[in-house]
Amino acid sequence: MERNTMTEQQTINRQVADNEIDLRELFMILWKGKWIIVSITFLFAVGSVIYALSLPDIYAAEAKLAPTEEAQGRGSMGDMGGQLGGLANLAGLNMGANQITPAMLAMEILRSRKFIAGFVERHDIAPELLAVEKWDKSSGELLFNREIYNPDSKKWLREVSSPRQQEPTAWELVGAFRSHLSVESGEGSPLTVIRIEHRSPIVAKRWLDLLIEDINDEMRERDIEEAQRSIEYIEKEMVNATLRSTQQIFSGLMEKQTQTIMLANVRPEYIYRVVDPAVVPEQRAKPSRALIAMVGTFLGGLLSLFVVLLLHVVKKQR
C-alpha cells in the first residue's frame, strides 16, 4: 500500500516537473522570437489606428415616441371594438391575444419598402443618402463626391455595372436607407425609439423629424380615406333602410366615421406623440476608434505568437 502511494507521488512529481519544463521551453521559444512578436504587433497596431482614423464620423439622432389613443386601437372604432371583443369572449374566442394595433401597423409601414421609397423620392434625399463624401463641421455643409453625383446639375455620374443603373433605383435606395434607420420597441413598454444615423448630425435630425411627420400623415390619410368610403356606403344603405332601429344604427356609424375624420384633421400627432424629440447630436455615435485600435493590436499579438510557434515547429522538423 505504501509502495503504491510512493509510486503515485513520484508520477505526480514527474508530471509537475514536465509541465515546468514545457512552460520554460515555451517561454524561451517566445523570448527568442520577441522581435517577430513586437514587429507584427506594432504593424497591426499602426494599421488599426490608420484604419480607425480613415473611418468617417457617424452621428445618430434619436426620438422617443408614444402611441396615441388612435394608435392603441381606441379611436373611432374603440367602442365598437370593445363590444365585439366582449361578444367574442362570451363565445369562447380570444380576439385580443394576436390583435394588431394601429401602432404596430404604423411601425411595419414605416419599415416597408413602399413607404421608404416614397419618403426618399418625396424629400429628394437620394444624393444625401448615397453620394456624400464628408460633412464640413465649420460650415455645416455636405460635400458630395463629384465622381458619383454633381450637385450643380443634379445628375448622377457614377460608373456601375449591370444590373445596377447610373441613377439609383428604388430598390437600392430602400436598402441604403434601411442601413441608416433603426426602430426599437421596448418589451412591455408602449414607447418606441427611432434612430437615424448619418455623417451629418443636421441631416440625421432633419430626416428623423420628416420621418415622424410622414408616418403620422400616412396613417391619417389611410383612416380618412377609409372613413370616407364608410360614409359613402352608409349613406347608400340609409336610403334603403325602412326600420327606425336600422336608421339609428346607421346614424351612429355615420357619427363615428365623422368623428374619425374630425380627429384626424385636428391632431398633427395622429398615431405617434413625440415624448423626447430629436436634437442635433454634438458627439459622434461611431466609430469607436480606441476599440478598433485595441482589437487590431490584440489580433496582431495573437498572430505574432502563432507565427513564432509555427516557425519553431518548422525549424524543429528540419
C-alpha atoms as a PDB file:
ATOM      1  CA  MET A   1       0.000   0.000   0.000  1.00  0.00           C
ATOM      2  CA  GLU A   2       2.802   2.390   0.923  1.00  0.00           C
ATOM      3  CA  ARG A   3       4.705   1.404  -2.206  1.00  0.00           C
ATOM      4  CA  ASN A   4       1.697   2.265  -4.426  1.00  0.00           C
ATOM      5  CA  THR A   5       1.358   5.602  -2.681  1.00  0.00           C
ATOM      6  CA  MET A   6       5.022   6.405  -3.287  1.00  0.00           C
ATOM      7  CA  THR A   7       4.661   5.434  -6.951  1.00  0.00           C
ATOM      8  CA  GLU A   8       1.662   7.752  -7.403  1.00  0.00           C
ATOM      9  CA  GLN A   9       3.537  10.593  -5.689  1.00  0.00           C
ATOM     10  CA  GLN A  10       6.543  10.098  -7.957  1.00  0.00           C
ATOM     11  CA  THR A  11       4.268  10.153 -11.000  1.00  0.00           C
ATOM     12  CA  ILE A  12       2.689  13.406  -9.870  1.00  0.00           C
ATOM     13  CA  ASN A  13       6.103  14.964  -9.201  1.00  0.00           C
ATOM     14  CA  ARG A  14       7.294  13.896 -12.635  1.00  0.00           C
ATOM     15  CA  GLN A  15       4.217  15.456 -14.313  1.00  0.00           C
ATOM     16  CA  VAL A  16       4.783  18.709 -12.428  1.00  0.00           C
ATOM     17  CA  ALA A  17       8.411  18.750 -13.488  1.00  0.00           C
ATOM     18  CA  ASP A  18       7.458  18.073 -17.116  1.00  0.00           C
ATOM     19  CA  ASN A  19       4.936  20.937 -17.025  1.00  0.00           C
ATOM     20  CA  GLU A  20       7.588  23.265 -15.628  1.00  0.00           C
ATOM     21  CA  ILE A  21       9.970  22.228 -18.385  1.00  0.00           C
ATOM     22  CA  ASP A  22       7.267  22.736 -21.040  1.00  0.00           C
ATOM     23  CA  LEU A  23       6.436  26.192 -19.744  1.00  0.00           C
ATOM     24  CA  ARG A  24      10.108  27.107 -19.528  1.00  0.00           C
ATOM     25  CA  GLU A  25      10.653  25.864 -23.065  1.00  0.00           C
ATOM     26  CA  LEU A  26       7.629  27.772 -24.331  1.00  0.00           C
ATOM     27  CA  PHE A  27       8.846  30.946 -22.678  1.00  0.00           C
ATOM     28  CA  MET A  28      12.290  30.511 -24.243  1.00  0.00           C
ATOM     29  CA  ILE A  29      10.743  29.998 -27.691  1.00  0.00           C
ATOM     30  CA  LEU A  30       8.687  33.185 -27.353  1.00  0.00           C
ATOM     31  CA  TRP A  31      11.665  35.088 -25.995  1.00  0.00           C
ATOM     32  CA  LYS A  32      13.791  34.088 -28.988  1.00  0.00           C
ATOM     33  CA  GLY A  33      11.052  35.313 -31.295  1.00  0.00           C
ATOM     34  CA  LYS A  34      10.391  38.524 -29.346  1.00  0.00           C
ATOM     35  CA  TRP A  35      11.327  40.791 -32.252  1.00  0.00           C
ATOM     36  CA  ILE A  36       8.914  38.986 -34.538  1.00  0.00           C
ATOM     37  CA  ILE A  37       6.180  39.399 -31.907  1.00  0.00           C
ATOM     38  CA  VAL A  38       6.984  43.088 -31.414  1.00  0.00           C
ATOM     39  CA  SER A  39       7.170  43.764 -35.161  1.00  0.00           C
ATOM     40  CA  ILE A  40       3.899  42.068 -36.101  1.00  0.00           C
ATOM     41  CA  THR A  41       2.032  43.549 -33.135  1.00  0.00           C
ATOM     42  CA  PHE A  42       3.384  47.011 -33.961  1.00  0.00           C
ATOM     43  CA  LEU A  43       2.351  46.704 -37.611  1.00  0.00           C
ATOM     44  CA  PHE A  44      -1.165  45.648 -36.647  1.00  0.00           C
ATOM     45  CA  ALA A  45      -1.400  48.450 -34.095  1.00  0.00           C
ATOM     46  CA  VAL A  46      -0.352  51.070 -36.638  1.00  0.00           C
ATOM     47  CA  GLY A  47      -2.603  49.599 -39.310  1.00  0.00           C
ATOM     48  CA  SER A  48      -5.633  49.516 -36.999  1.00  0.00           C
ATOM     49  CA  VAL A  49      -5.019  53.141 -35.951  1.00  0.00           C
ATOM     50  CA  ILE A  50      -4.745  54.247 -39.586  1.00  0.00           C
ATOM     51  CA  TYR A  51      -7.918  52.321 -40.451  1.00  0.00           C
ATOM     52  CA  ALA A  52      -9.803  53.795 -37.479  1.00  0.00           C
ATOM     53  CA  LEU A  53      -8.763  57.333 -38.413  1.00  0.00           C
ATOM     54  CA  SER A  54      -9.869  56.766 -42.022  1.00  0.00           C
ATOM     55  CA  LEU A  55     -13.436  55.970 -40.974  1.00  0.00           C
ATOM     56  CA  PRO A  56     -15.863  58.921 -41.120  1.00  0.00           C
ATOM     57  CA  ASP A  57     -17.684  60.171 -38.050  1.00  0.00           C
ATOM     58  CA  ILE A  58     -21.283  58.945 -37.872  1.00  0.00           C
ATOM     59  CA  TYR A  59     -23.847  60.887 -35.851  1.00  0.00           C
ATOM     60  CA  ALA A  60     -27.140  59.495 -34.570  1.00  0.00           C
ATOM     61  CA  ALA A  61     -30.378  61.382 -33.907  1.00  0.00           C
ATOM     62  CA  GLU A  62     -32.970  59.683 -31.701  1.00  0.00           C
ATOM     63  CA  ALA A  63     -36.594  60.344 -30.837  1.00  0.00           C
ATOM     64  CA  LYS A  64     -38.824  58.568 -28.337  1.00  0.00           C
ATOM     65  CA  LEU A  65     -42.453  58.134 -29.375  1.00  0.00           C
ATOM     66  CA  ALA A  66     -45.601  57.126 -27.527  1.00  0.00           C
ATOM     67  CA  PRO A  67     -48.725  55.827 -29.288  1.00  0.00           C
ATOM     68  CA  THR A  68     -51.839  57.978 -29.149  1.00  0.00           C
ATOM     69  CA  GLU A  69     -55.322  56.659 -28.407  1.00  0.00           C
ATOM     70  CA  GLU A  70     -55.875  56.061 -32.114  1.00  0.00           C
ATOM     71  CA  ALA A  71     -52.616  54.101 -32.290  1.00  0.00           C
ATOM     72  CA  GLN A  72     -53.715  51.835 -29.440  1.00  0.00           C
ATOM     73  CA  GLY A  73     -56.961  50.934 -31.157  1.00  0.00           C
ATOM     74  CA  ARG A  74     -59.169  53.200 -29.032  1.00  0.00           C
ATOM     75  CA  GLY A  75     -60.003  55.659 -31.768  1.00  0.00           C
ATOM     76  CA  SER A  76     -63.179  55.915 -33.741  1.00  0.00           C
ATOM     77  CA  MET A  77     -63.786  52.148 -33.632  1.00  0.00           C
ATOM     78  CA  GLY A  78     -62.784  51.760 -29.984  1.00  0.00           C
ATOM     79  CA  ASP A  79     -66.325  51.373 -28.585  1.00  0.00           C
ATOM     80  CA  MET A  80     -67.404  49.023 -31.334  1.00  0.00           C
ATOM     81  CA  GLY A  81     -64.191  47.033 -30.951  1.00  0.00           C
ATOM     82  CA  GLY A  82     -64.845  46.683 -27.244  1.00  0.00           C
ATOM     83  CA  GLN A  83     -68.379  45.436 -27.861  1.00  0.00           C
ATOM     84  CA  LEU A  84     -67.218  42.910 -30.450  1.00  0.00           C
ATOM     85  CA  GLY A  85     -64.425  41.784 -28.116  1.00  0.00           C
ATOM     86  CA  GLY A  86     -66.942  41.230 -25.311  1.00  0.00           C
ATOM     87  CA  LEU A  87     -69.174  39.155 -27.549  1.00  0.00           C
ATOM     88  CA  ALA A  88     -66.184  37.123 -28.713  1.00  0.00           C
ATOM     89  CA  ASN A  89     -65.148  36.400 -25.119  1.00  0.00           C
ATOM     90  CA  LEU A  90     -68.658  35.221 -24.323  1.00  0.00           C
ATOM     91  CA  ALA A  91     -68.430  32.888 -27.300  1.00  0.00           C
ATOM     92  CA  GLY A  92     -65.131  31.487 -26.029  1.00  0.00           C
ATOM     93  CA  LEU A  93     -62.909  33.274 -28.577  1.00  0.00           C
ATOM     94  CA  ASN A  94     -59.789  35.219 -27.638  1.00  0.00           C
ATOM     95  CA  MET A  95     -59.518  38.146 -30.052  1.00  0.00           C
ATOM     96  CA  GLY A  96     -57.039  40.194 -28.030  1.00  0.00           C
ATOM     97  CA  ALA A  97     -54.171  37.717 -27.997  1.00  0.00           C
ATOM     98  CA  ASN A  98     -52.966  38.401 -31.539  1.00  0.00           C
ATOM     99  CA  GLN A  99     -54.610  41.743 -32.106  1.00  0.00           C
ATOM    100  CA  ILE A 100     -52.663  44.116 -34.346  1.00  0.00           C
ATOM    101  CA  THR A 101     -52.988  47.681 -33.116  1.00  0.00           C
ATOM    102  CA  PRO A 102     -52.648  50.739 -35.374  1.00  0.00           C
ATOM    103  CA  ALA A 103     -49.316  51.490 -33.650  1.00  0.00           C
ATOM    104  CA  MET A 104     -47.934  48.092 -34.669  1.00  0.00           C
ATOM    105  CA  LEU A 105     -49.240  48.586 -38.191  1.00  0.00           C
ATOM    106  CA  ALA A 106     -47.635  52.035 -38.366  1.00  0.00           C
ATOM    107  CA  MET A 107     -44.234  50.609 -37.407  1.00  0.00           C
ATOM    108  CA  GLU A 108     -44.463  47.935 -40.097  1.00  0.00           C
ATOM    109  CA  ILE A 109     -45.454  50.573 -42.656  1.00  0.00           C
ATOM    110  CA  LEU A 110     -42.513  52.706 -41.513  1.00  0.00           C
ATOM    111  CA  ARG A 111     -40.151  49.819 -42.335  1.00  0.00           C
ATOM    112  CA  SER A 112     -41.910  48.889 -45.561  1.00  0.00           C
ATOM    113  CA  ARG A 113     -40.282  49.243 -48.955  1.00  0.00           C
ATOM    114  CA  LYS A 114     -43.124  51.296 -50.412  1.00  0.00           C
ATOM    115  CA  PHE A 115     -43.126  53.877 -47.628  1.00  0.00           C
ATOM    116  CA  ILE A 116     -39.333  54.295 -47.589  1.00  0.00           C
ATOM    117  CA  ALA A 117     -39.158  54.601 -51.382  1.00  0.00           C
ATOM    118  CA  GLY A 118     -41.857  57.272 -51.289  1.00  0.00           C
ATOM    119  CA  PHE A 119     -40.105  59.055 -48.434  1.00  0.00           C
ATOM    120  CA  VAL A 120     -36.782  59.219 -50.294  1.00  0.00           C
ATOM    121  CA  GLU A 121     -38.441  60.421 -53.504  1.00  0.00           C
ATOM    122  CA  ARG A 122     -40.753  62.893 -51.784  1.00  0.00           C
ATOM    123  CA  HIS A 123     -37.957  64.679 -49.928  1.00  0.00           C
ATOM    124  CA  ASP A 124     -35.286  64.180 -52.621  1.00  0.00           C
ATOM    125  CA  ILE A 125     -32.674  62.777 -50.253  1.00  0.00           C
ATOM    126  CA  ALA A 126     -31.060  60.265 -52.631  1.00  0.00           C
ATOM    127  CA  PRO A 127     -27.847  62.364 -53.026  1.00  0.00           C
ATOM    128  CA  GLU A 128     -27.572  62.760 -49.240  1.00  0.00           C
ATOM    129  CA  LEU A 129     -28.039  59.014 -48.944  1.00  0.00           C
ATOM    130  CA  LEU A 130     -25.525  57.715 -51.480  1.00  0.00           C
ATOM    131  CA  ALA A 131     -23.195  60.494 -52.650  1.00  0.00           C
ATOM    132  CA  VAL A 132     -21.963  62.277 -49.506  1.00  0.00           C
ATOM    133  CA  GLU A 133     -18.182  62.320 -49.207  1.00  0.00           C
ATOM    134  CA  LYS A 134     -17.842  64.280 -45.964  1.00  0.00           C
ATOM    135  CA  TRP A 135     -19.513  66.804 -43.690  1.00  0.00           C
ATOM    136  CA  ASP A 136     -17.814  70.152 -43.144  1.00  0.00           C
ATOM    137  CA  LYS A 137     -18.030  70.869 -39.411  1.00  0.00           C
ATOM    138  CA  SER A 138     -17.115  74.544 -39.765  1.00  0.00           C
ATOM    139  CA  SER A 139     -19.777  75.430 -42.361  1.00  0.00           C
ATOM    140  CA  GLY A 140     -22.229  72.607 -41.655  1.00  0.00           C
ATOM    141  CA  GLU A 141     -22.461  71.795 -45.361  1.00  0.00           C
ATOM    142  CA  LEU A 142     -22.344  68.453 -47.093  1.00  0.00           C
ATOM    143  CA  LEU A 143     -19.598  67.788 -49.605  1.00  0.00           C
ATOM    144  CA  PHE A 144     -20.573  65.376 -52.370  1.00  0.00           C
ATOM    145  CA  ASN A 145     -18.359  63.007 -54.285  1.00  0.00           C
ATOM    146  CA  ARG A 146     -18.464  64.602 -57.726  1.00  0.00           C
ATOM    147  CA  GLU A 147     -17.455  61.350 -59.374  1.00  0.00           C
ATOM    148  CA  ILE A 148     -20.782  59.970 -58.180  1.00  0.00           C
ATOM    149  CA  TYR A 149     -23.104  62.983 -58.193  1.00  0.00           C
ATOM    150  CA  ASN A 150     -22.917  66.562 -59.484  1.00  0.00           C
ATOM    151  CA  PRO A 151     -24.882  68.812 -57.078  1.00  0.00           C
ATOM    152  CA  ASP A 152     -24.833  71.717 -59.551  1.00  0.00           C
ATOM    153  CA  SER A 153     -26.504  69.901 -62.441  1.00  0.00           C
ATOM    154  CA  LYS A 154     -28.183  67.385 -60.099  1.00  0.00           C
ATOM    155  CA  LYS A 155     -27.067  64.476 -62.270  1.00  0.00           C
ATOM    156  CA  TRP A 156     -25.679  61.098 -61.293  1.00  0.00           C
ATOM    157  CA  LEU A 157     -22.253  60.379 -62.772  1.00  0.00           C
ATOM    158  CA  ARG A 158     -21.302  57.131 -61.093  1.00  0.00           C
ATOM    159  CA  GLU A 159     -19.981  54.186 -63.042  1.00  0.00           C
ATOM    160  CA  VAL A 160     -21.772  50.956 -62.221  1.00  0.00           C
ATOM    161  CA  SER A 161     -22.028  47.524 -63.728  1.00  0.00           C
ATOM    162  CA  SER A 162     -25.224  45.761 -64.750  1.00  0.00           C
ATOM    163  CA  PRO A 163     -27.824  45.233 -63.363  1.00  0.00           C
ATOM    164  CA  ARG A 164     -27.267  48.454 -61.398  1.00  0.00           C
ATOM    165  CA  GLN A 165     -28.049  51.723 -63.143  1.00  0.00           C
ATOM    166  CA  GLN A 166     -26.300  55.076 -63.159  1.00  0.00           C
ATOM    167  CA  GLU A 167     -29.250  56.659 -61.367  1.00  0.00           C
ATOM    168  CA  PRO A 168     -30.109  54.724 -58.193  1.00  0.00           C
ATOM    169  CA  THR A 169     -33.260  52.629 -58.310  1.00  0.00           C
ATOM    170  CA  ALA A 170     -35.873  52.473 -55.575  1.00  0.00           C
ATOM    171  CA  TRP A 171     -34.583  49.044 -54.565  1.00  0.00           C
ATOM    172  CA  GLU A 172     -31.062  50.385 -53.955  1.00  0.00           C
ATOM    173  CA  LEU A 173     -32.307  53.498 -52.155  1.00  0.00           C
ATOM    174  CA  VAL A 174     -34.502  51.487 -49.800  1.00  0.00           C
ATOM    175  CA  GLY A 175     -31.616  49.195 -48.892  1.00  0.00           C
ATOM    176  CA  ALA A 176     -29.333  52.162 -48.258  1.00  0.00           C
ATOM    177  CA  PHE A 177     -31.908  53.988 -46.132  1.00  0.00           C
ATOM    178  CA  ARG A 178     -32.609  50.917 -44.010  1.00  0.00           C
ATOM    179  CA  SER A 179     -28.931  50.806 -43.097  1.00  0.00           C
ATOM    180  CA  HIS A 180     -29.361  54.292 -41.585  1.00  0.00           C
ATOM    181  CA  LEU A 181     -32.670  53.522 -39.827  1.00  0.00           C
ATOM    182  CA  SER A 182     -33.209  51.728 -36.525  1.00  0.00           C
ATOM    183  CA  VAL A 183     -36.580  51.157 -34.836  1.00  0.00           C
ATOM    184  CA  GLU A 184     -36.693  49.639 -31.358  1.00  0.00           C
ATOM    185  CA  SER A 185     -39.719  48.901 -29.194  1.00  0.00           C
ATOM    186  CA  GLY A 186     -39.172  48.133 -25.527  1.00  0.00           C
ATOM    187  CA  GLU A 187     -40.512  44.840 -24.184  1.00  0.00           C
ATOM    188  CA  GLY A 188     -43.570  45.527 -22.085  1.00  0.00           C
ATOM    189  CA  SER A 189     -43.392  49.232 -22.905  1.00  0.00           C
ATOM    190  CA  PRO A 190     -45.508  51.073 -25.481  1.00  0.00           C
ATOM    191  CA  LEU A 191     -42.673  53.526 -26.182  1.00  0.00           C
ATOM    192  CA  THR A 192     -40.772  53.303 -29.461  1.00  0.00           C
ATOM    193  CA  VAL A 193     -37.296  54.699 -30.168  1.00  0.00           C
ATOM    194  CA  ILE A 194     -36.455  55.687 -33.741  1.00  0.00           C
ATOM    195  CA  ARG A 195     -32.819  56.315 -34.628  1.00  0.00           C
ATOM    196  CA  ILE A 196     -31.293  57.791 -37.783  1.00  0.00           C
ATOM    197  CA  GLU A 197     -27.552  57.687 -38.489  1.00  0.00           C
ATOM    198  CA  HIS A 198     -25.706  59.924 -40.931  1.00  0.00           C
ATOM    199  CA  ARG A 199     -22.380  61.660 -41.443  1.00  0.00           C
ATOM    200  CA  SER A 200     -24.104  64.985 -40.816  1.00  0.00           C
ATOM    201  CA  PRO A 201     -25.886  65.455 -37.458  1.00  0.00           C
ATOM    202  CA  ILE A 202     -28.082  68.102 -39.078  1.00  0.00           C
ATOM    203  CA  VAL A 203     -29.238  65.703 -41.796  1.00  0.00           C
ATOM    204  CA  ALA A 204     -29.846  62.936 -39.250  1.00  0.00           C
ATOM    205  CA  LYS A 205     -32.101  65.189 -37.188  1.00  0.00           C
ATOM    206  CA  ARG A 206     -33.948  66.509 -40.268  1.00  0.00           C
ATOM    207  CA  TRP A 207     -34.596  63.027 -41.655  1.00  0.00           C
ATOM    208  CA  LEU A 208     -35.942  61.855 -38.314  1.00  0.00           C
ATOM    209  CA  ASP A 209     -38.345  64.796 -37.984  1.00  0.00           C
ATOM    210  CA  LEU A 210     -39.608  64.239 -41.524  1.00  0.00           C
ATOM    211  CA  LEU A 211     -39.988  60.509 -40.921  1.00  0.00           C
ATOM    212  CA  ILE A 212     -42.166  61.002 -37.839  1.00  0.00           C
ATOM    213  CA  GLU A 213     -44.257  63.614 -39.640  1.00  0.00           C
ATOM    214  CA  ASP A 214     -44.727  61.398 -42.690  1.00  0.00           C
ATOM    215  CA  ILE A 215     -45.793  58.281 -40.774  1.00  0.00           C
ATOM    216  CA  ASN A 216     -48.410  60.337 -38.918  1.00  0.00           C
ATOM    217  CA  ASP A 217     -49.636  61.784 -42.221  1.00  0.00           C
ATOM    218  CA  GLU A 218     -49.676  58.342 -43.844  1.00  0.00           C
ATOM    219  CA  MET A 219     -51.834  56.810 -41.117  1.00  0.00           C
ATOM    220  CA  ARG A 220     -54.067  59.892 -41.043  1.00  0.00           C
ATOM    221  CA  GLU A 221     -54.728  59.701 -44.787  1.00  0.00           C
ATOM    222  CA  ARG A 222     -55.445  55.980 -44.571  1.00  0.00           C
ATOM    223  CA  ASP A 223     -58.015  56.467 -41.809  1.00  0.00           C
ATOM    224  CA  ILE A 224     -59.638  59.432 -43.552  1.00  0.00           C
ATOM    225  CA  GLU A 225     -59.979  57.508 -46.826  1.00  0.00           C
ATOM    226  CA  GLU A 226     -61.437  54.509 -45.015  1.00  0.00           C
ATOM    227  CA  ALA A 227     -63.871  56.693 -43.081  1.00  0.00           C
ATOM    228  CA  GLN A 228     -64.999  58.482 -46.267  1.00  0.00           C
ATOM    229  CA  ARG A 229     -65.641  55.164 -48.024  1.00  0.00           C
ATOM    230  CA  SER A 230     -67.602  54.000 -44.985  1.00  0.00           C
ATOM    231  CA  ILE A 231     -69.694  57.182 -45.011  1.00  0.00           C
ATOM    232  CA  GLU A 232     -70.484  56.735 -48.702  1.00  0.00           C
ATOM    233  CA  TYR A 233     -71.589  53.165 -48.075  1.00  0.00           C
ATOM    234  CA  ILE A 234     -73.681  54.122 -45.028  1.00  0.00           C
ATOM    235  CA  GLU A 235     -75.427  56.905 -46.966  1.00  0.00           C
ATOM    236  CA  LYS A 236     -76.425  54.448 -49.686  1.00  0.00           C
ATOM    237  CA  GLU A 237     -77.757  51.952 -47.169  1.00  0.00           C
ATOM    238  CA  MET A 238     -79.681  54.572 -45.194  1.00  0.00           C
ATOM    239  CA  VAL A 239     -81.766  55.340 -48.265  1.00  0.00           C
ATOM    240  CA  ASN A 240     -82.979  51.742 -48.365  1.00  0.00           C
ATOM    241  CA  ALA A 241     -83.407  51.391 -44.608  1.00  0.00           C
ATOM    242  CA  THR A 242     -87.065  51.293 -43.569  1.00  0.00           C
ATOM    243  CA  LEU A 243     -86.875  50.341 -39.905  1.00  0.00           C
ATOM    244  CA  ARG A 244     -86.254  53.106 -37.427  1.00  0.00           C
ATOM    245  CA  SER A 245     -83.843  50.953 -35.424  1.00  0.00           C
ATOM    246  CA  THR A 246     -81.749  50.315 -38.538  1.00  0.00           C
ATOM    247  CA  GLN A 247     -81.639  54.027 -39.302  1.00  0.00           C
ATOM    248  CA  GLN A 248     -80.428  54.690 -35.747  1.00  0.00           C
ATOM    249  CA  ILE A 249     -77.630  52.157 -36.166  1.00  0.00           C
ATOM    250  CA  PHE A 250     -76.568  53.784 -39.429  1.00  0.00           C
ATOM    251  CA  SER A 251     -76.679  57.215 -37.803  1.00  0.00           C
ATOM    252  CA  GLY A 252     -74.392  56.006 -35.007  1.00  0.00           C
ATOM    253  CA  LEU A 253     -71.935  54.567 -37.508  1.00  0.00           C
ATOM    254  CA  MET A 254     -72.034  57.789 -39.507  1.00  0.00           C
ATOM    255  CA  GLU A 255     -71.268  59.766 -36.364  1.00  0.00           C
ATOM    256  CA  LYS A 256     -68.294  57.532 -35.595  1.00  0.00           C
ATOM    257  CA  GLN A 257     -66.790  57.921 -39.050  1.00  0.00           C
ATOM    258  CA  THR A 258     -67.344  61.696 -38.990  1.00  0.00           C
ATOM    259  CA  GLN A 259     -65.573  61.806 -35.638  1.00  0.00           C
ATOM    260  CA  THR A 260     -62.645  59.892 -37.131  1.00  0.00           C
ATOM    261  CA  ILE A 261     -62.251  62.446 -39.935  1.00  0.00           C
ATOM    262  CA  MET A 262     -62.507  65.352 -37.496  1.00  0.00           C
ATOM    263  CA  LEU A 263     -59.876  63.957 -35.100  1.00  0.00           C
ATOM    264  CA  ALA A 264     -57.552  63.054 -37.965  1.00  0.00           C
ATOM    265  CA  ASN A 265     -57.639  66.599 -39.321  1.00  0.00           C
ATOM    266  CA  VAL A 266     -57.265  68.247 -35.900  1.00  0.00           C
ATOM    267  CA  ARG A 267     -54.365  66.241 -34.433  1.00  0.00           C
ATOM    268  CA  PRO A 268     -50.955  66.656 -36.115  1.00  0.00           C
ATOM    269  CA  GLU A 269     -49.535  63.828 -33.971  1.00  0.00           C
ATOM    270  CA  TYR A 270     -52.153  61.374 -35.082  1.00  0.00           C
ATOM    271  CA  ILE A 271     -50.555  57.970 -34.427  1.00  0.00           C
ATOM    272  CA  TYR A 272     -47.381  58.807 -32.506  1.00  0.00           C
ATOM    273  CA  ARG A 273     -46.831  61.530 -29.950  1.00  0.00           C
ATOM    274  CA  VAL A 274     -43.226  62.689 -29.564  1.00  0.00           C
ATOM    275  CA  VAL A 275     -42.172  62.205 -25.941  1.00  0.00           C
ATOM    276  CA  ASP A 276     -38.496  63.024 -26.397  1.00  0.00           C
ATOM    277  CA  PRO A 277     -37.875  64.994 -29.625  1.00  0.00           C
ATOM    278  CA  ALA A 278     -34.755  64.629 -31.744  1.00  0.00           C
ATOM    279  CA  VAL A 279     -31.919  67.107 -31.316  1.00  0.00           C
ATOM    280  CA  VAL A 280     -28.808  67.729 -33.397  1.00  0.00           C
ATOM    281  CA  PRO A 281     -26.205  65.403 -31.844  1.00  0.00           C
ATOM    282  CA  GLU A 282     -22.923  67.010 -30.824  1.00  0.00           C
ATOM    283  CA  GLN A 283     -20.956  63.796 -30.307  1.00  0.00           C
ATOM    284  CA  ARG A 284     -20.399  61.038 -32.819  1.00  0.00           C
ATOM    285  CA  ALA A 285     -22.101  57.693 -32.313  1.00  0.00           C
ATOM    286  CA  LYS A 286     -19.420  55.708 -34.097  1.00  0.00           C
ATOM    287  CA  PRO A 287     -16.812  54.579 -34.934  1.00  0.00           C
ATOM    288  CA  SER A 288     -15.140  53.722 -31.625  1.00  0.00           C
ATOM    289  CA  ARG A 289     -11.589  54.319 -32.772  1.00  0.00           C
ATOM    290  CA  ALA A 290      -9.993  53.331 -29.470  1.00  0.00           C
ATOM    291  CA  LEU A 291     -11.803  49.991 -29.523  1.00  0.00           C
ATOM    292  CA  ILE A 292     -10.778  49.348 -33.135  1.00  0.00           C
ATOM    293  CA  ALA A 293      -7.133  50.082 -32.285  1.00  0.00           C
ATOM    294  CA  MET A 294      -7.187  47.794 -29.238  1.00  0.00           C
ATOM    295  CA  VAL A 295      -8.824  44.923 -31.118  1.00  0.00           C
ATOM    296  CA  GLY A 296      -6.366  45.301 -34.007  1.00  0.00           C
ATOM    297  CA  THR A 297      -3.395  45.292 -31.640  1.00  0.00           C
ATOM    298  CA  PHE A 298      -4.746  42.241 -29.799  1.00  0.00           C
ATOM    299  CA  LEU A 299      -5.236  40.317 -33.042  1.00  0.00           C
ATOM    300  CA  GLY A 300      -1.714  41.284 -34.113  1.00  0.00           C
ATOM    301  CA  GLY A 301      -0.325  39.928 -30.842  1.00  0.00           C
ATOM    302  CA  LEU A 302      -2.153  36.618 -31.259  1.00  0.00           C
ATOM    303  CA  LEU A 303      -0.985  36.286 -34.842  1.00  0.00           C
ATOM    304  CA  SER A 304       2.615  37.021 -33.864  1.00  0.00           C
ATOM    305  CA  LEU A 305       2.552  34.271 -31.217  1.00  0.00           C
ATOM    306  CA  PHE A 306       1.168  31.822 -33.750  1.00  0.00           C
ATOM    307  CA  VAL A 307       3.877  32.767 -36.274  1.00  0.00           C
ATOM    308  CA  VAL A 308       6.695  32.296 -33.735  1.00  0.00           C
ATOM    309  CA  LEU A 309       5.402  28.887 -32.656  1.00  0.00           C
ATOM    310  CA  LEU A 310       4.875  27.826 -36.265  1.00  0.00           C
ATOM    311  CA  LEU A 311       8.435  28.827 -37.208  1.00  0.00           C
ATOM    312  CA  HIS A 312       9.766  26.878 -34.229  1.00  0.00           C
ATOM    313  CA  VAL A 313       7.853  23.731 -35.259  1.00  0.00           C
ATOM    314  CA  VAL A 314       9.085  24.003 -38.853  1.00  0.00           C
ATOM    315  CA  LYS A 315      12.676  24.569 -37.684  1.00  0.00           C
ATOM    316  CA  LYS A 316      12.468  21.624 -35.306  1.00  0.00           C
ATOM    317  CA  GLN A 317      11.181  19.297 -38.045  1.00  0.00           C
ATOM    318  CA  ARG A 318      14.010  20.288 -40.335  1.00  0.00           C
END
